[in-house]
PDB file of all heavy atoms in Angstrom:
ATOM      1  N   GLY A   1       0.809  -1.212   0.000  1.00  0.00           N
ATOM      2  CA  GLY A   1       0.000   0.000   0.000  1.00  0.00           C
ATOM      3  C   GLY A   1       0.845   1.266   0.000  1.00  0.00           C
ATOM      4  O   GLY A   1       0.318   2.364   0.019  1.00  0.00           O
ATOM      5  N   ALA A   2       2.159   1.119  -0.022  1.00  0.00           N
ATOM      6  CA  ALA A   2       3.061   2.270  -0.024  1.00  0.00           C
ATOM      7  C   ALA A   2       3.461   2.591  -1.458  1.00  0.00           C
ATOM      8  O   ALA A   2       4.137   1.791  -2.106  1.00  0.00           O
ATOM      9  CB  ALA A   2       4.309   1.970   0.813  1.00  0.00           C
ATOM     10  N   PRO A   3       3.034   3.755  -1.960  1.00  0.00           N
ATOM     11  CA  PRO A   3       3.366   4.101  -3.343  1.00  0.00           C
ATOM     12  C   PRO A   3       4.842   4.455  -3.518  1.00  0.00           C
ATOM     13  O   PRO A   3       5.490   4.934  -2.594  1.00  0.00           O
ATOM     14  CB  PRO A   3       2.487   5.313  -3.622  1.00  0.00           C
ATOM     15  CG  PRO A   3       2.292   5.938  -2.285  1.00  0.00           C
ATOM     16  CD  PRO A   3       2.262   4.794  -1.302  1.00  0.00           C
ATOM     17  N   ASP A   4       5.337   4.204  -4.717  1.00  0.00           N
ATOM     18  CA  ASP A   4       6.704   4.581  -5.060  1.00  0.00           C
ATOM     19  C   ASP A   4       6.764   6.096  -5.187  1.00  0.00           C
ATOM     20  O   ASP A   4       5.883   6.704  -5.785  1.00  0.00           O
ATOM     21  CB  ASP A   4       7.093   3.929  -6.389  1.00  0.00           C
ATOM     22  CG  ASP A   4       8.475   4.319  -6.852  1.00  0.00           C
ATOM     23  OD1 ASP A   4       9.410   4.229  -6.043  1.00  0.00           O
ATOM     24  OD2 ASP A   4       8.611   4.714  -8.029  1.00  0.00           O
ATOM     25  N   ARG A   5       7.783   6.706  -4.613  1.00  0.00           N
ATOM     26  CA  ARG A   5       7.918   8.159  -4.709  1.00  0.00           C
ATOM     27  C   ARG A   5       9.003   8.570  -5.681  1.00  0.00           C
ATOM     28  O   ARG A   5       9.196   9.732  -5.929  1.00  0.00           O
ATOM     29  CB  ARG A   5       8.247   8.732  -3.330  1.00  0.00           C
ATOM     30  CG  ARG A   5       7.107   8.594  -2.376  1.00  0.00           C
ATOM     31  CD  ARG A   5       6.914   9.883  -1.710  1.00  0.00           C
ATOM     32  NE  ARG A   5       5.810   9.803  -0.789  1.00  0.00           N
ATOM     33  CZ  ARG A   5       5.489  10.773   0.006  1.00  0.00           C
ATOM     34  NH1 ARG A   5       6.200  11.865   0.029  1.00  0.00           N
ATOM     35  NH2 ARG A   5       4.472  10.651   0.807  1.00  0.00           N
ATOM     36  N   GLY A   6       9.798   7.628  -6.157  1.00  0.00           N
ATOM     37  CA  GLY A   6      10.776   7.990  -7.168  1.00  0.00           C
ATOM     38  C   GLY A   6      12.213   7.906  -6.706  1.00  0.00           C
ATOM     39  O   GLY A   6      12.545   7.141  -5.804  1.00  0.00           O
ATOM     40  N   THR A   7      13.024   8.715  -7.344  1.00  0.00           N
ATOM     41  CA  THR A   7      14.464   8.683  -7.113  1.00  0.00           C
ATOM     42  C   THR A   7      14.975  10.064  -6.721  1.00  0.00           C
ATOM     43  O   THR A   7      14.316  11.069  -6.960  1.00  0.00           O
ATOM     44  CB  THR A   7      15.201   8.204  -8.376  1.00  0.00           C
ATOM     45  OG1 THR A   7      14.911   9.098  -9.453  1.00  0.00           O
ATOM     46  CG2 THR A   7      14.789   6.788  -8.751  1.00  0.00           C
ATOM     47  N   ILE A   8      16.150  10.060  -6.132  1.00  0.00           N
ATOM     48  CA  ILE A   8      16.836  11.302  -5.750  1.00  0.00           C
ATOM     49  C   ILE A   8      18.224  11.261  -6.359  1.00  0.00           C
ATOM     50  O   ILE A   8      18.883  10.218  -6.358  1.00  0.00           O
ATOM     51  CB  ILE A   8      16.970  11.422  -4.219  1.00  0.00           C
ATOM     52  CG1 ILE A   8      15.602  11.571  -3.553  1.00  0.00           C
ATOM     53  CG2 ILE A   8      17.882  12.593  -3.834  1.00  0.00           C
ATOM     54  CD1 ILE A   8      15.655  11.551  -2.032  1.00  0.00           C
ATOM     55  N   SER A   9      18.676  12.392  -6.850  1.00  0.00           N
ATOM     56  CA  SER A   9      20.081  12.509  -7.240  1.00  0.00           C
ATOM     57  C   SER A   9      20.604  13.845  -6.727  1.00  0.00           C
ATOM     58  O   SER A   9      19.878  14.835  -6.670  1.00  0.00           O
ATOM     59  CB  SER A   9      20.261  12.399  -8.756  1.00  0.00           C
ATOM     60  OG  SER A   9      19.678  13.493  -9.426  1.00  0.00           O
ATOM     61  N   VAL A  10      21.858  13.827  -6.318  1.00  0.00           N
ATOM     62  CA  VAL A  10      22.561  15.027  -5.884  1.00  0.00           C
ATOM     63  C   VAL A  10      23.873  15.036  -6.656  1.00  0.00           C
ATOM     64  O   VAL A  10      24.589  14.028  -6.675  1.00  0.00           O
ATOM     65  CB  VAL A  10      22.859  15.019  -4.365  1.00  0.00           C
ATOM     66  CG1 VAL A  10      23.635  16.269  -3.961  1.00  0.00           C
ATOM     67  CG2 VAL A  10      21.576  14.890  -3.565  1.00  0.00           C
ATOM     68  N   LYS A  11      24.163  16.154  -7.307  1.00  0.00           N
ATOM     69  CA  LYS A  11      25.375  16.239  -8.122  1.00  0.00           C
ATOM     70  C   LYS A  11      26.101  17.535  -7.829  1.00  0.00           C
ATOM     71  O   LYS A  11      25.474  18.594  -7.752  1.00  0.00           O
ATOM     72  CB  LYS A  11      24.994  16.166  -9.601  1.00  0.00           C
ATOM     73  CG  LYS A  11      26.157  16.279 -10.542  1.00  0.00           C
ATOM     74  CD  LYS A  11      25.796  15.941 -11.987  1.00  0.00           C
ATOM     75  CE  LYS A  11      24.829  16.878 -12.594  1.00  0.00           C
ATOM     76  NZ  LYS A  11      24.652  16.650 -14.052  1.00  0.00           N
ATOM     77  N   ILE A  12      27.410  17.454  -7.659  1.00  0.00           N
ATOM     78  CA  ILE A  12      28.250  18.638  -7.484  1.00  0.00           C
ATOM     79  C   ILE A  12      29.243  18.665  -8.635  1.00  0.00           C
ATOM     80  O   ILE A  12      29.931  17.667  -8.905  1.00  0.00           O
ATOM     81  CB  ILE A  12      28.986  18.626  -6.134  1.00  0.00           C
ATOM     82  CG1 ILE A  12      27.972  18.702  -4.994  1.00  0.00           C
ATOM     83  CG2 ILE A  12      29.991  19.784  -6.055  1.00  0.00           C
ATOM     84  CD1 ILE A  12      28.571  18.684  -3.613  1.00  0.00           C
ATOM     85  N   THR A  13      29.310  19.806  -9.321  1.00  0.00           N
ATOM     86  CA  THR A  13      30.249  19.988 -10.420  1.00  0.00           C
ATOM     87  C   THR A  13      31.149  21.180 -10.130  1.00  0.00           C
ATOM     88  O   THR A  13      30.787  22.084  -9.379  1.00  0.00           O
ATOM     89  CB  THR A  13      29.507  20.216 -11.750  1.00  0.00           C
ATOM     90  OG1 THR A  13      28.607  21.307 -11.596  1.00  0.00           O
ATOM     91  CG2 THR A  13      28.739  18.975 -12.170  1.00  0.00           C
ATOM     92  N   ASP A  14      32.323  21.167 -10.745  1.00  0.00           N
ATOM     93  CA  ASP A  14      33.244  22.293 -10.581  1.00  0.00           C
ATOM     94  C   ASP A  14      32.971  23.355 -11.644  1.00  0.00           C
ATOM     95  O   ASP A  14      32.032  23.229 -12.440  1.00  0.00           O
ATOM     96  CB  ASP A  14      34.706  21.808 -10.588  1.00  0.00           C
ATOM     97  CG  ASP A  14      35.135  21.180 -11.904  1.00  0.00           C
ATOM     98  OD1 ASP A  14      34.474  21.411 -12.943  1.00  0.00           O
ATOM     99  OD2 ASP A  14      36.148  20.452 -11.890  1.00  0.00           O
ATOM    100  N   SER A  15      33.780  24.409 -11.666  1.00  0.00           N
ATOM    101  CA  SER A  15      33.558  25.525 -12.590  1.00  0.00           C
ATOM    102  C   SER A  15      33.708  25.124 -14.055  1.00  0.00           C
ATOM    103  O   SER A  15      33.225  25.823 -14.940  1.00  0.00           O
ATOM    104  CB  SER A  15      34.527  26.672 -12.262  1.00  0.00           C
ATOM    105  OG  SER A  15      35.870  26.219 -12.402  1.00  0.00           O
ATOM    106  N   LYS A  16      34.345  23.990 -14.322  1.00  0.00           N
ATOM    107  CA  LYS A  16      34.489  23.488 -15.692  1.00  0.00           C
ATOM    108  C   LYS A  16      33.354  22.536 -16.066  1.00  0.00           C
ATOM    109  O   LYS A  16      33.341  21.987 -17.158  1.00  0.00           O
ATOM    110  CB  LYS A  16      35.821  22.763 -15.847  1.00  0.00           C
ATOM    111  CG  LYS A  16      37.033  23.643 -15.638  1.00  0.00           C
ATOM    112  CD  LYS A  16      38.294  22.819 -15.722  1.00  0.00           C
ATOM    113  CE  LYS A  16      39.496  23.668 -15.348  1.00  0.00           C
ATOM    114  NZ  LYS A  16      40.711  22.847 -15.248  1.00  0.00           N
ATOM    115  N   GLY A  17      32.436  22.309 -15.118  1.00  0.00           N
ATOM    116  CA  GLY A  17      31.341  21.390 -15.367  1.00  0.00           C
ATOM    117  C   GLY A  17      31.702  19.934 -15.125  1.00  0.00           C
ATOM    118  O   GLY A  17      30.910  19.040 -15.404  1.00  0.00           O
ATOM    119  N   GLU A  18      32.899  19.689 -14.596  1.00  0.00           N
ATOM    120  CA  GLU A  18      33.335  18.323 -14.310  1.00  0.00           C
ATOM    121  C   GLU A  18      32.716  17.843 -12.998  1.00  0.00           C
ATOM    122  O   GLU A  18      32.582  18.608 -12.038  1.00  0.00           O
ATOM    123  CB  GLU A  18      34.860  18.251 -14.213  1.00  0.00           C
ATOM    124  CG  GLU A  18      35.579  18.592 -15.500  1.00  0.00           C
ATOM    125  CD  GLU A  18      35.329  17.586 -16.599  1.00  0.00           C
ATOM    126  OE1 GLU A  18      35.223  16.372 -16.286  1.00  0.00           O
ATOM    127  OE2 GLU A  18      35.214  18.004 -17.763  1.00  0.00           O
ATOM    128  N   LEU A  19      32.379  16.579 -12.954  1.00  0.00           N
ATOM    129  CA  LEU A  19      31.762  16.004 -11.766  1.00  0.00           C
ATOM    130  C   LEU A  19      32.746  15.939 -10.606  1.00  0.00           C
ATOM    131  O   LEU A  19      33.833  15.393 -10.731  1.00  0.00           O
ATOM    132  CB  LEU A  19      31.242  14.593 -12.080  1.00  0.00           C
ATOM    133  CG  LEU A  19      30.475  13.895 -10.973  1.00  0.00           C
ATOM    134  CD1 LEU A  19      29.182  14.634 -10.645  1.00  0.00           C
ATOM    135  CD2 LEU A  19      30.168  12.451 -11.388  1.00  0.00           C
ATOM    136  N   VAL A  20      32.350  16.518  -9.470  1.00  0.00           N
ATOM    137  CA  VAL A  20      33.124  16.442  -8.225  1.00  0.00           C
ATOM    138  C   VAL A  20      32.622  15.272  -7.394  1.00  0.00           C
ATOM    139  O   VAL A  20      33.396  14.543  -6.787  1.00  0.00           O
ATOM    140  CB  VAL A  20      33.027  17.761  -7.428  1.00  0.00           C
ATOM    141  CG1 VAL A  20      33.660  17.620  -6.048  1.00  0.00           C
ATOM    142  CG2 VAL A  20      33.668  18.897  -8.213  1.00  0.00           C
ATOM    143  N   GLY A  21      31.319  15.081  -7.384  1.00  0.00           N
ATOM    144  CA  GLY A  21      30.741  13.976  -6.627  1.00  0.00           C
ATOM    145  C   GLY A  21      29.248  13.931  -6.814  1.00  0.00           C
ATOM    146  O   GLY A  21      28.639  14.851  -7.371  1.00  0.00           O
ATOM    147  N   GLY A  22      28.663  12.835  -6.328  1.00  0.00           N
ATOM    148  CA  GLY A  22      27.227  12.709  -6.466  1.00  0.00           C
ATOM    149  C   GLY A  22      26.668  11.538  -5.689  1.00  0.00           C
ATOM    150  O   GLY A  22      27.408  10.741  -5.096  1.00  0.00           O
ATOM    151  N   LEU A  23      25.356  11.467  -5.705  1.00  0.00           N
ATOM    152  CA  LEU A  23      24.622  10.442  -4.968  1.00  0.00           C
ATOM    153  C   LEU A  23      23.376  10.087  -5.761  1.00  0.00           C
ATOM    154  O   LEU A  23      22.755  10.961  -6.363  1.00  0.00           O
ATOM    155  CB  LEU A  23      24.232  10.986  -3.594  1.00  0.00           C
ATOM    156  CG  LEU A  23      23.355  10.129  -2.695  1.00  0.00           C
ATOM    157  CD1 LEU A  23      23.713  10.370  -1.237  1.00  0.00           C
ATOM    158  CD2 LEU A  23      21.872  10.405  -2.915  1.00  0.00           C
ATOM    159  N   THR A  24      23.023   8.805  -5.739  1.00  0.00           N
ATOM    160  CA  THR A  24      21.734   8.361  -6.248  1.00  0.00           C
ATOM    161  C   THR A  24      21.030   7.596  -5.132  1.00  0.00           C
ATOM    162  O   THR A  24      21.677   6.915  -4.331  1.00  0.00           O
ATOM    163  CB  THR A  24      21.858   7.474  -7.498  1.00  0.00           C
ATOM    164  OG1 THR A  24      22.647   6.330  -7.192  1.00  0.00           O
ATOM    165  CG2 THR A  24      22.475   8.239  -8.661  1.00  0.00           C
ATOM    166  N   ALA A  25      19.717   7.742  -5.091  1.00  0.00           N
ATOM    167  CA  ALA A  25      18.921   7.090  -4.045  1.00  0.00           C
ATOM    168  C   ALA A  25      17.506   6.898  -4.565  1.00  0.00           C
ATOM    169  O   ALA A  25      17.119   7.453  -5.595  1.00  0.00           O
ATOM    170  CB  ALA A  25      18.905   7.943  -2.779  1.00  0.00           C
ATOM    171  N   TRP A  26      16.737   6.133  -3.824  1.00  0.00           N
ATOM    172  CA  TRP A  26      15.318   5.934  -4.121  1.00  0.00           C
ATOM    173  C   TRP A  26      14.517   6.217  -2.859  1.00  0.00           C
ATOM    174  O   TRP A  26      15.056   6.190  -1.758  1.00  0.00           O
ATOM    175  CB  TRP A  26      15.036   4.514  -4.621  1.00  0.00           C
ATOM    176  CG  TRP A  26      15.637   3.429  -3.780  1.00  0.00           C
ATOM    177  CD1 TRP A  26      16.836   2.808  -3.998  1.00  0.00           C
ATOM    178  CD2 TRP A  26      15.117   2.859  -2.575  1.00  0.00           C
ATOM    179  NE1 TRP A  26      17.083   1.888  -3.005  1.00  0.00           N
ATOM    180  CE2 TRP A  26      16.042   1.888  -2.119  1.00  0.00           C
ATOM    181  CE3 TRP A  26      13.957   3.068  -1.830  1.00  0.00           C
ATOM    182  CZ2 TRP A  26      15.842   1.127  -0.969  1.00  0.00           C
ATOM    183  CZ3 TRP A  26      13.761   2.311  -0.683  1.00  0.00           C
ATOM    184  CH2 TRP A  26      14.694   1.351  -0.264  1.00  0.00           C
ATOM    185  N   THR A  27      13.249   6.504  -3.041  1.00  0.00           N
ATOM    186  CA  THR A  27      12.352   6.695  -1.902  1.00  0.00           C
ATOM    187  C   THR A  27      11.125   5.827  -2.104  1.00  0.00           C
ATOM    188  O   THR A  27      10.631   5.662  -3.225  1.00  0.00           O
ATOM    189  CB  THR A  27      11.932   8.169  -1.746  1.00  0.00           C
ATOM    190  OG1 THR A  27      11.265   8.608  -2.921  1.00  0.00           O
ATOM    191  CG2 THR A  27      13.137   9.057  -1.480  1.00  0.00           C
ATOM    192  N   TRP A  28      10.644   5.257  -1.004  1.00  0.00           N
ATOM    193  CA  TRP A  28       9.470   4.382  -1.085  1.00  0.00           C
ATOM    194  C   TRP A  28       8.904   4.208   0.322  1.00  0.00           C
ATOM    195  O   TRP A  28       9.608   3.776   1.226  1.00  0.00           O
ATOM    196  CB  TRP A  28       9.865   3.037  -1.681  1.00  0.00           C
ATOM    197  CG  TRP A  28       8.781   2.007  -1.688  1.00  0.00           C
ATOM    198  CD1 TRP A  28       7.510   2.152  -2.173  1.00  0.00           C
ATOM    199  CD2 TRP A  28       8.862   0.682  -1.179  1.00  0.00           C
ATOM    200  NE1 TRP A  28       6.804   0.987  -2.009  1.00  0.00           N
ATOM    201  CE2 TRP A  28       7.616   0.061  -1.404  1.00  0.00           C
ATOM    202  CE3 TRP A  28       9.862  -0.056  -0.565  1.00  0.00           C
ATOM    203  CZ2 TRP A  28       7.355  -1.241  -1.030  1.00  0.00           C
ATOM    204  CZ3 TRP A  28       9.594  -1.354  -0.201  1.00  0.00           C
ATOM    205  CH2 TRP A  28       8.347  -1.938  -0.441  1.00  0.00           C
ATOM    206  N   GLY A  29       7.667   4.567   0.483  1.00  0.00           N
ATOM    207  CA  GLY A  29       6.966   4.333   1.742  1.00  0.00           C
ATOM    208  C   GLY A  29       7.638   4.949   2.948  1.00  0.00           C
ATOM    209  O   GLY A  29       7.662   4.354   4.018  1.00  0.00           O
ATOM    210  N   GLY A  30       8.206   6.139   2.795  1.00  0.00           N
ATOM    211  CA  GLY A  30       8.863   6.811   3.918  1.00  0.00           C
ATOM    212  C   GLY A  30      10.304   6.402   4.143  1.00  0.00           C
ATOM    213  O   GLY A  30      10.944   6.858   5.086  1.00  0.00           O
TER     214      GLY A  30
END
């Protein structure tokens, strides 16, 4: 009965647009 809420992403880039770091996650039922 817990609906899917989707995904989360967090991305940090430098002044050149290059990836510094990031995170992927999902959310579901709290």
